[in-house]
Amino acid sequence: MVNRKFLISGLSILLFLVLTCSGEPQTTTSGSIKIAEIKILDSAGRERIPPNYSSSEKIGFSITCYNPYENAKVIWFCFYVCGPSGKTVFTHIGNIGVGKVDVGTEKSSIKNIPIGDFYEGSGKYTYTAVVNVEHDSVTDTATKAMDFYVYSPSLTLSYPTNGAKDLIDKPLTFRWVSSGATKYRVYVDDDKSFYNCLFQTGKGEYPDPQTTYFQYPTSPQDPRQKLAGGVVYWWKVEGLDNEGNVVAKTPVPFSFTLKETAPSMTTKDLAVTDIILDEKSTAAELKFNVLLKNQGGMVVSNTRVTLYVNGVPVVPHQVLDFINVGETKTLTFPGGASREKMVTVSAAIDFSDDNMKNNMLTEAFTLTPERRFYEPWEVWKIIKNFIKDLEILRELEGYTPSEVSLVPEGYVGEELERLEQGKAKVVGVEIEVVK
């Protein structure tokens, strides 16, 4: 008889949910049992205001009720969620205090439910809590509901806007709009790839913010993290759950610059601003021009500058004898010979100043192979070793090549190199008889 009564009660509950899921948060009570509080919780067990969630997150629900009955046999806690369509998309029925339930406050909760398991699209969802208490063969019911919102994972950067220039904000505050996350990780770098990132929250003294904004430190402990005027910086944000899993992220990073301020008379700031492959360079004799600028407020003299090609220092180093405030000078370094098609070159200043970050610069260069003229007999001597087709060899018998060209047109030397590397083959010949 007890089981029969619960089944009938359960049926009426489901009917009630269908009728009320689309309404505003409300409390309905039949009898004396009362639901004191219900909560919607994120993966860290916190309520979120506003109650917005990403469909990639996990969620939890809780119920707190007051039971006035001394002779209660059992209390059932029921958790329901209706989706934007008004249909019930999630159901969980549990129980507590089987046998004898004391008068007073009772609680129940469920945690870490993947929203994706019941997600039916972006919009308003309604969590309805139902408590059934059985006493003297009668079931008493209380119901309470509240809305929350679920969206597809998204995170849109708001401020600074993309490409913002000459910002003067102190402190600089990053802001964004999110579909929902337990916490956020903010990245700032002077490299769009964020390789060896300059700054990120979640490390050391800067915890990941729980809000959708973050104030960049004006005086970070690491001097490398202090933002400089005139430098292009990039920023992005990731939304995380309590375990650190990414639930939403920036589609593309945004860039910004801070306004440059005039250096003080005592500021030392010598920067490597560019590395240029000298136009007279050949693969056998590379030359690189290193551009240096005095961005500080005082004259700099007798400063050693070292060039590295593929990680190896070029000997000897050079000394910048004198550079005035605001002046740019160029030092030319021999880079040796290279058989590689790409070289990585770094220029470093052996100078301790107030902005160590720009004391070194690294660039990669793709080298154009040297071209030389090949005599027809040279070409024939090389390619005949790679012709495997006897028909082609027979076609060439009795001819002395006076000219060699490629179809489609191209550089003969590159094709000869490809033949030797096994990346090309001779597939045909065309013979033109010159009378």
Protein backbone atom coordinates (compact mmCIF):
# COMPACT_ATOMS: atom_id res chain seq x y z
CA MET A 1 0.00 0.00 0.00
CA VAL A 2 2.89 2.38 0.76
CA ASN A 3 4.48 1.77 -2.64
CA ARG A 4 1.13 2.31 -4.37
CA LYS A 5 0.64 5.67 -2.66
CA PHE A 6 4.14 6.84 -3.65
CA LEU A 7 3.57 5.91 -7.28
CA ILE A 8 0.35 7.93 -7.35
CA SER A 9 2.11 10.87 -5.70
CA GLY A 10 4.96 10.59 -8.16
CA LEU A 11 2.54 10.77 -11.08
CA SER A 12 0.96 13.96 -9.76
CA ILE A 13 4.44 15.48 -9.31
CA LEU A 14 5.38 14.90 -12.92
CA LEU A 15 2.08 16.42 -14.06
CA PHE A 16 2.72 19.44 -11.83
CA LEU A 17 6.19 19.96 -13.32
CA VAL A 18 4.92 20.01 -16.85
CA LEU A 19 2.43 22.71 -15.90
CA THR A 20 4.84 24.94 -13.96
CA CYS A 21 8.33 24.55 -15.47
CA SER A 22 7.93 27.55 -17.75
CA GLY A 23 6.86 29.87 -14.90
CA GLU A 24 8.84 32.12 -12.59
CA PRO A 25 10.57 30.78 -9.41
CA GLN A 26 7.88 29.97 -6.88
CA THR A 27 6.98 27.89 -3.82
CA THR A 28 3.92 25.69 -3.54
CA THR A 29 3.13 23.75 -0.36
CA SER A 30 0.53 21.06 0.34
CA GLY A 31 0.36 20.33 4.03
CA SER A 32 2.91 21.33 6.64
CA ILE A 33 6.30 20.28 5.29
CA LYS A 34 8.18 23.30 3.93
CA ILE A 35 11.18 23.72 1.60
CA ALA A 36 13.33 26.39 3.22
CA GLU A 37 15.91 26.78 0.47
CA ILE A 38 17.07 25.38 -2.84
CA LYS A 39 20.35 26.14 -4.61
CA ILE A 40 21.96 25.68 -8.01
CA LEU A 41 25.71 25.12 -7.61
CA ASP A 42 28.70 25.16 -9.98
CA SER A 43 31.49 22.55 -9.93
CA ALA A 44 33.14 24.36 -6.99
CA GLY A 45 29.93 24.16 -4.94
CA ARG A 46 29.21 27.89 -5.26
CA GLU A 47 26.06 29.71 -6.32
CA ARG A 48 26.52 31.83 -9.41
CA ILE A 49 25.02 35.29 -9.91
CA PRO A 50 23.69 35.61 -12.54
CA PRO A 51 22.98 31.87 -12.80
CA ASN A 52 24.57 31.38 -16.24
CA TYR A 53 26.28 28.13 -17.24
CA SER A 54 28.08 26.72 -20.27
CA SER A 55 26.75 23.45 -21.65
CA SER A 56 30.24 21.99 -21.22
CA GLU A 57 30.18 22.43 -17.42
CA LYS A 58 29.00 20.30 -14.51
CA ILE A 59 26.25 21.44 -12.16
CA GLY A 60 24.75 20.56 -8.77
CA PHE A 61 21.45 21.03 -6.94
CA SER A 62 20.54 21.14 -3.24
CA ILE A 63 17.37 21.10 -1.13
CA THR A 64 16.89 22.17 2.50
CA CYS A 65 13.48 21.49 4.08
CA TYR A 66 11.78 21.53 7.51
CA ASN A 67 9.93 18.37 8.60
CA PRO A 68 7.29 18.98 11.33
CA TYR A 69 6.20 15.34 11.73
CA GLU A 70 7.40 13.23 14.67
CA ASN A 71 6.14 9.98 13.20
CA ALA A 72 7.43 10.43 9.67
CA LYS A 73 8.61 7.17 8.07
CA VAL A 74 10.60 8.44 5.10
CA ILE A 75 11.40 11.60 3.16
CA TRP A 76 11.97 11.52 -0.58
CA PHE A 77 13.99 14.28 -2.22
CA CYS A 78 13.26 14.72 -5.93
CA PHE A 79 15.25 16.84 -8.38
CA TYR A 80 13.80 17.82 -11.77
CA VAL A 81 15.04 20.07 -14.59
CA CYS A 82 12.90 21.37 -17.45
CA GLY A 83 14.51 22.66 -20.64
CA PRO A 84 13.58 25.64 -22.84
CA SER A 85 10.92 23.52 -24.55
CA GLY A 86 9.11 22.97 -21.23
CA LYS A 87 9.84 19.25 -21.20
CA THR A 88 11.48 17.48 -18.26
CA VAL A 89 15.09 16.77 -19.32
CA PHE A 90 16.54 15.56 -16.00
CA THR A 91 15.11 13.55 -13.10
CA HIS A 92 16.73 12.30 -9.91
CA ILE A 93 14.76 10.77 -7.02
CA GLY A 94 16.51 9.92 -3.75
CA ASN A 95 15.51 9.36 -0.13
CA ILE A 96 16.74 10.05 3.38
CA GLY A 97 15.85 8.96 6.87
CA VAL A 98 14.20 5.64 6.07
CA GLY A 99 12.69 4.18 9.28
CA LYS A 100 12.13 7.21 11.51
CA VAL A 101 12.73 10.81 10.54
CA ASP A 102 13.24 13.33 13.33
CA VAL A 103 11.48 16.66 13.48
CA GLY A 104 13.70 19.42 12.11
CA THR A 105 15.82 20.43 9.13
CA GLU A 106 16.74 17.85 6.49
CA LYS A 107 19.05 18.34 3.50
CA SER A 108 19.94 16.55 0.29
CA SER A 109 22.10 17.43 -2.73
CA ILE A 110 23.45 16.00 -5.97
CA LYS A 111 26.75 17.13 -7.53
CA ASN A 112 28.87 17.04 -10.71
CA ILE A 113 26.06 16.42 -13.18
CA PRO A 114 27.28 17.04 -16.77
CA ILE A 115 25.00 19.67 -18.25
CA GLY A 116 25.65 18.13 -21.65
CA ASP A 117 23.66 15.06 -20.52
CA PHE A 118 20.42 17.06 -20.49
CA TYR A 119 21.24 20.08 -22.69
CA GLU A 120 18.66 20.66 -25.43
CA GLY A 121 19.76 24.11 -26.56
CA SER A 122 20.54 27.57 -25.24
CA GLY A 123 17.95 29.24 -23.06
CA LYS A 124 16.14 29.19 -19.73
CA TYR A 125 16.06 25.99 -17.68
CA THR A 126 14.02 25.47 -14.52
CA TYR A 127 15.16 23.45 -11.51
CA THR A 128 12.24 22.19 -9.43
CA ALA A 129 12.77 20.58 -6.03
CA VAL A 130 10.05 18.31 -4.64
CA VAL A 131 10.01 16.83 -1.13
CA ASN A 132 7.60 14.02 -0.15
CA VAL A 133 7.27 12.98 3.51
CA GLU A 134 5.22 9.97 4.52
CA HIS A 135 3.50 10.05 7.92
CA ASP A 136 0.54 8.03 9.22
CA SER A 137 0.10 6.44 5.75
CA VAL A 138 -0.32 9.90 4.20
CA THR A 139 2.14 11.63 1.87
CA ASP A 140 2.72 15.37 2.28
CA THR A 141 4.43 17.31 -0.55
CA ALA A 142 6.30 20.63 -0.91
CA THR A 143 7.67 22.13 -4.13
CA LYS A 144 10.02 25.00 -4.94
CA ALA A 145 11.43 26.10 -8.31
CA MET A 146 14.04 28.49 -9.68
CA ASP A 147 15.39 29.36 -13.12
CA PHE A 148 18.92 29.21 -14.52
CA TYR A 149 20.36 29.72 -17.99
CA VAL A 150 22.54 27.47 -20.15
CA TYR A 151 24.38 28.52 -23.32
CA SER A 152 26.76 26.96 -25.81
CA PRO A 153 30.37 27.54 -24.67
CA SER A 154 31.45 31.06 -25.58
CA LEU A 155 33.80 33.70 -24.25
CA THR A 156 33.89 37.16 -25.84
CA LEU A 157 36.60 39.67 -24.98
CA SER A 158 35.20 43.11 -24.19
CA TYR A 159 37.97 45.49 -23.03
CA PRO A 160 40.55 46.42 -24.19
CA THR A 161 39.03 46.12 -27.65
CA ASN A 162 41.05 44.45 -30.38
CA GLY A 163 43.74 46.79 -31.70
CA ALA A 164 43.28 49.36 -28.91
CA LYS A 165 46.18 51.83 -28.92
CA ASP A 166 47.83 54.17 -26.40
CA LEU A 167 45.82 53.04 -23.37
CA ILE A 168 46.42 55.11 -20.22
CA ASP A 169 44.37 52.98 -17.77
CA LYS A 170 45.92 52.62 -14.32
CA PRO A 171 45.36 49.88 -13.44
CA LEU A 172 44.53 48.21 -16.74
CA THR A 173 41.37 46.12 -16.28
CA PHE A 174 40.54 43.27 -18.67
CA ARG A 175 36.83 42.51 -19.13
CA TRP A 176 34.96 39.77 -20.99
CA VAL A 177 31.50 38.20 -21.39
CA SER A 178 31.12 34.47 -20.81
CA SER A 179 28.47 31.77 -21.20
CA GLY A 180 29.61 30.62 -17.75
CA ALA A 181 32.59 29.13 -15.91
CA THR A 182 33.69 28.45 -12.34
CA LYS A 183 36.85 30.53 -12.79
CA TYR A 184 38.85 32.19 -15.54
CA ARG A 185 42.49 32.13 -16.65
CA VAL A 186 43.87 35.34 -18.15
CA TYR A 187 46.91 35.31 -20.47
CA VAL A 188 48.95 38.36 -21.57
CA ASP A 189 51.96 38.16 -23.90
CA ASP A 190 53.92 40.13 -26.49
CA ASP A 191 53.74 37.11 -28.82
CA LYS A 192 50.45 36.17 -30.50
CA SER A 193 51.31 32.47 -30.14
CA PHE A 194 51.67 32.88 -26.33
CA TYR A 195 54.83 30.78 -26.42
CA ASN A 196 56.69 31.17 -23.12
CA CYS A 197 53.83 33.39 -21.96
CA LEU A 198 54.72 36.67 -20.26
CA PHE A 199 51.86 36.58 -17.71
CA GLN A 200 49.03 34.28 -16.72
CA THR A 201 46.77 33.95 -13.71
CA GLY A 202 46.63 30.71 -11.75
CA LYS A 203 50.33 30.90 -10.95
CA GLY A 204 52.03 32.31 -7.87
CA GLU A 205 50.40 35.37 -6.35
CA TYR A 206 47.76 35.85 -9.06
CA PRO A 207 44.85 33.37 -8.65
CA ASP A 208 42.37 32.73 -11.45
CA PRO A 209 39.52 35.26 -11.03
CA GLN A 210 35.96 34.05 -10.44
CA THR A 211 34.55 37.23 -11.96
CA THR A 212 34.51 38.32 -15.61
CA TYR A 213 37.16 40.98 -15.09
CA PHE A 214 40.78 41.14 -13.94
CA GLN A 215 43.04 44.04 -12.94
CA TYR A 216 46.56 43.66 -14.28
CA PRO A 217 49.15 44.30 -11.50
CA THR A 218 50.73 47.74 -11.74
CA SER A 219 53.93 46.58 -9.99
CA PRO A 220 54.40 42.84 -10.65
CA GLN A 221 57.14 41.09 -8.67
CA ASP A 222 58.70 39.84 -11.91
CA PRO A 223 59.99 42.97 -13.73
CA ARG A 224 59.60 41.14 -17.05
CA GLN A 225 55.82 41.28 -16.53
CA LYS A 226 55.68 45.08 -16.30
CA LEU A 227 53.93 46.37 -19.41
CA ALA A 228 55.82 48.93 -21.49
CA GLY A 229 54.46 51.72 -23.68
CA GLY A 230 54.51 51.28 -27.44
CA VAL A 231 54.77 47.45 -27.32
CA VAL A 232 52.01 45.39 -28.96
CA TYR A 233 50.56 42.98 -26.39
CA TRP A 234 48.03 40.19 -26.84
CA TRP A 235 45.48 38.88 -24.33
CA LYS A 236 43.06 35.98 -24.15
CA VAL A 237 40.91 34.23 -21.54
CA GLU A 238 39.87 30.63 -20.82
CA GLY A 239 36.86 29.61 -18.73
CA LEU A 240 37.63 26.67 -16.39
CA ASP A 241 35.69 24.31 -14.16
CA ASN A 242 36.80 23.50 -10.60
CA GLU A 243 39.21 20.81 -11.84
CA GLY A 244 40.87 23.17 -14.29
CA ASN A 245 39.24 21.76 -17.43
CA VAL A 246 38.58 24.33 -20.17
CA VAL A 247 34.82 24.85 -20.66
CA ALA A 248 34.98 28.00 -22.82
CA LYS A 249 37.74 30.02 -24.47
CA THR A 250 38.51 33.07 -26.56
CA PRO A 251 38.07 32.42 -30.34
CA VAL A 252 40.97 34.79 -31.17
CA PRO A 253 43.26 36.88 -28.93
CA PHE A 254 43.00 40.69 -28.86
CA SER A 255 45.92 43.13 -29.18
CA PHE A 256 46.53 46.45 -27.45
CA THR A 257 49.28 48.98 -26.72
CA LEU A 258 49.92 51.34 -23.82
CA LYS A 259 50.78 54.98 -24.34
CA GLU A 260 54.50 55.65 -24.35
CA THR A 261 55.76 58.00 -21.70
CA ALA A 262 58.81 60.20 -22.00
CA PRO A 263 61.79 58.48 -20.34
CA SER A 264 63.23 60.12 -17.27
CA MET A 265 66.71 61.61 -17.40
CA THR A 266 68.08 58.62 -15.46
CA THR A 267 66.36 55.81 -17.39
CA LYS A 268 68.66 53.27 -19.09
CA ASP A 269 66.94 51.50 -21.98
CA LEU A 270 69.01 50.21 -24.90
CA ALA A 271 66.95 47.98 -27.21
CA VAL A 272 67.61 45.60 -30.10
CA THR A 273 64.87 46.75 -32.49
CA ASP A 274 65.57 44.66 -35.61
CA ILE A 275 67.85 42.11 -37.30
CA ILE A 276 68.14 42.39 -41.10
CA LEU A 277 69.78 39.97 -43.54
CA ASP A 278 72.19 42.11 -45.53
CA GLU A 279 71.28 42.28 -49.23
CA LYS A 280 74.88 41.39 -50.15
CA SER A 281 74.68 38.10 -48.27
CA THR A 282 75.26 34.77 -49.97
CA ALA A 283 74.94 31.26 -48.59
CA ALA A 284 78.72 31.13 -48.47
CA GLU A 285 79.04 34.45 -46.67
CA LEU A 286 76.11 35.66 -44.56
CA LYS A 287 75.90 39.17 -43.16
CA PHE A 288 73.40 40.53 -40.64
CA ASN A 289 72.65 44.12 -39.67
CA VAL A 290 71.59 44.62 -36.05
CA LEU A 291 69.64 47.80 -35.28
CA LEU A 292 69.96 49.26 -31.78
CA LYS A 293 68.02 52.19 -30.32
CA ASN A 294 68.61 54.21 -27.17
CA GLN A 295 65.06 54.46 -25.77
CA GLY A 296 66.21 55.72 -22.37
CA GLY A 297 67.01 59.15 -21.00
CA MET A 298 70.78 58.98 -20.86
CA VAL A 299 73.76 58.39 -23.17
CA VAL A 300 75.05 54.80 -23.40
CA SER A 301 78.65 53.90 -24.30
CA ASN A 302 81.02 50.92 -24.57
CA THR A 303 78.29 48.27 -24.78
CA ARG A 304 79.05 44.76 -26.01
CA VAL A 305 76.67 43.19 -28.55
CA THR A 306 76.77 39.48 -29.47
CA LEU A 307 75.19 37.75 -32.45
CA TYR A 308 74.14 34.07 -32.38
CA VAL A 309 73.48 32.04 -35.54
CA ASN A 310 71.60 28.80 -34.84
CA GLY A 311 72.58 29.17 -31.19
CA VAL A 312 76.32 29.56 -31.85
CA PRO A 313 77.91 32.94 -30.99
CA VAL A 314 79.61 34.75 -33.83
CA VAL A 315 83.22 35.59 -32.98
CA PRO A 316 84.25 38.26 -32.37
CA HIS A 317 81.50 40.23 -30.63
CA GLN A 318 81.18 43.95 -31.34
CA VAL A 319 81.22 47.01 -29.10
CA LEU A 320 78.79 49.89 -29.52
CA ASP A 321 81.06 52.78 -28.63
CA PHE A 322 78.48 55.54 -28.20
CA ILE A 323 74.75 56.09 -28.76
CA ASN A 324 72.83 59.23 -27.86
CA VAL A 325 69.30 59.50 -26.45
CA GLY A 326 66.72 58.59 -29.14
CA GLU A 327 69.46 57.60 -31.63
CA THR A 328 69.45 54.39 -33.70
CA LYS A 329 72.70 52.72 -34.82
CA THR A 330 73.48 49.67 -36.93
CA LEU A 331 76.16 47.03 -36.35
CA THR A 332 77.03 44.60 -39.17
CA PHE A 333 78.04 41.06 -38.25
CA PRO A 334 79.51 38.32 -40.46
CA GLY A 335 77.34 35.24 -40.11
CA GLY A 336 79.61 32.66 -41.71
CA ALA A 337 78.39 30.11 -44.26
CA SER A 338 75.25 28.01 -44.09
CA ARG A 339 74.07 24.94 -45.96
CA GLU A 340 70.68 25.16 -44.22
CA LYS A 341 67.70 26.79 -45.93
CA MET A 342 66.64 28.43 -42.66
CA VAL A 343 68.73 30.01 -39.91
CA THR A 344 67.72 31.38 -36.51
CA VAL A 345 69.59 34.52 -35.51
CA SER A 346 69.63 36.24 -32.09
CA ALA A 347 71.22 39.53 -31.11
CA ALA A 348 71.87 40.25 -27.42
CA ILE A 349 73.07 43.32 -25.55
CA ASP A 350 75.41 42.71 -22.63
CA PHE A 351 73.96 45.64 -20.73
CA SER A 352 71.98 45.77 -17.51
CA ASP A 353 69.30 48.43 -17.92
CA ASP A 354 65.77 49.29 -16.77
CA ASN A 355 64.05 47.26 -19.50
CA MET A 356 65.81 43.91 -19.84
CA LYS A 357 63.01 42.54 -21.99
CA ASN A 358 64.15 44.30 -25.18
CA ASN A 359 67.86 43.53 -24.70
CA MET A 360 67.55 40.47 -26.94
CA LEU A 361 65.77 39.77 -30.24
CA THR A 362 65.46 36.55 -32.26
CA GLU A 363 64.52 36.28 -35.93
CA ALA A 364 64.35 33.39 -38.43
CA PHE A 365 65.55 33.78 -42.02
CA THR A 366 64.87 31.62 -45.08
CA LEU A 367 67.91 31.68 -47.35
CA THR A 368 67.65 31.70 -51.13
CA PRO A 369 70.05 29.15 -52.63
CA GLU A 370 72.77 30.54 -54.86
CA ARG A 371 72.12 30.04 -58.54
CA ARG A 372 74.77 29.36 -61.14
CA PHE A 373 74.67 28.66 -64.84
CA TYR A 374 74.93 24.99 -65.84
CA GLU A 375 76.43 24.08 -69.20
CA PRO A 376 74.28 21.61 -71.16
CA TRP A 377 76.99 18.94 -70.98
CA GLU A 378 77.04 19.32 -67.16
CA VAL A 379 73.28 18.77 -66.97
CA TRP A 380 73.53 15.70 -69.22
CA LYS A 381 76.38 14.26 -67.17
CA ILE A 382 74.29 14.50 -63.99
CA ILE A 383 70.87 13.42 -65.19
CA LYS A 384 71.94 10.43 -67.27
CA ASN A 385 72.77 8.63 -64.01
CA PHE A 386 69.10 8.98 -62.97
CA ILE A 387 67.35 7.95 -66.19
CA LYS A 388 65.87 4.49 -65.70
CA ASP A 389 63.67 4.43 -68.81
CA LEU A 390 65.53 2.77 -71.72
CA GLU A 391 63.20 4.43 -74.24
CA ILE A 392 64.38 7.86 -73.11
CA LEU A 393 68.02 6.78 -73.36
CA ARG A 394 67.49 5.50 -76.90
CA GLU A 395 65.85 8.81 -77.92
CA LEU A 396 68.97 10.67 -76.78
CA GLU A 397 71.44 8.52 -78.69
CA GLY A 398 73.41 10.43 -81.31
CA TYR A 399 72.47 13.88 -79.99
CA THR A 400 74.79 16.44 -78.45
CA PRO A 401 72.77 18.82 -76.20
CA SER A 402 73.42 22.47 -77.01
CA GLU A 403 70.67 23.77 -74.69
CA VAL A 404 68.66 22.38 -71.78
CA SER A 405 65.38 23.80 -70.52
CA LEU A 406 62.65 22.60 -68.15
CA VAL A 407 58.94 22.09 -68.82
CA PRO A 408 57.29 23.73 -66.97
CA GLU A 409 59.90 26.47 -66.85
CA GLY A 410 62.10 26.47 -63.75
CA TYR A 411 65.61 26.63 -62.35
CA VAL A 412 67.73 23.70 -63.57
CA GLY A 413 69.94 23.68 -60.45
CA GLU A 414 66.99 23.09 -58.11
CA GLU A 415 65.77 20.17 -60.20
CA LEU A 416 69.23 18.61 -60.29
CA GLU A 417 69.35 18.83 -56.51
CA ARG A 418 65.90 17.20 -56.27
CA LEU A 419 67.09 14.39 -58.56
CA GLU A 420 70.07 13.71 -56.30
CA GLN A 421 67.79 13.70 -53.22
CA GLY A 422 65.41 11.23 -54.84
CA LYS A 423 62.57 13.81 -54.88
CA ALA A 424 62.30 13.99 -58.68
CA LYS A 425 62.80 11.79 -61.73
CA VAL A 426 63.23 12.19 -65.48
CA VAL A 427 59.94 11.27 -67.15
CA GLY A 428 60.52 12.36 -70.75
CA VAL A 429 62.58 14.34 -73.25
CA GLU A 430 61.83 16.64 -76.10
CA ILE A 431 64.47 16.94 -78.84
CA GLU A 432 64.61 19.89 -81.18
CA VAL A 433 66.99 19.52 -84.14
CA VAL A 434 68.70 22.77 -85.00
CA LYS A 435 69.74 22.91 -88.68
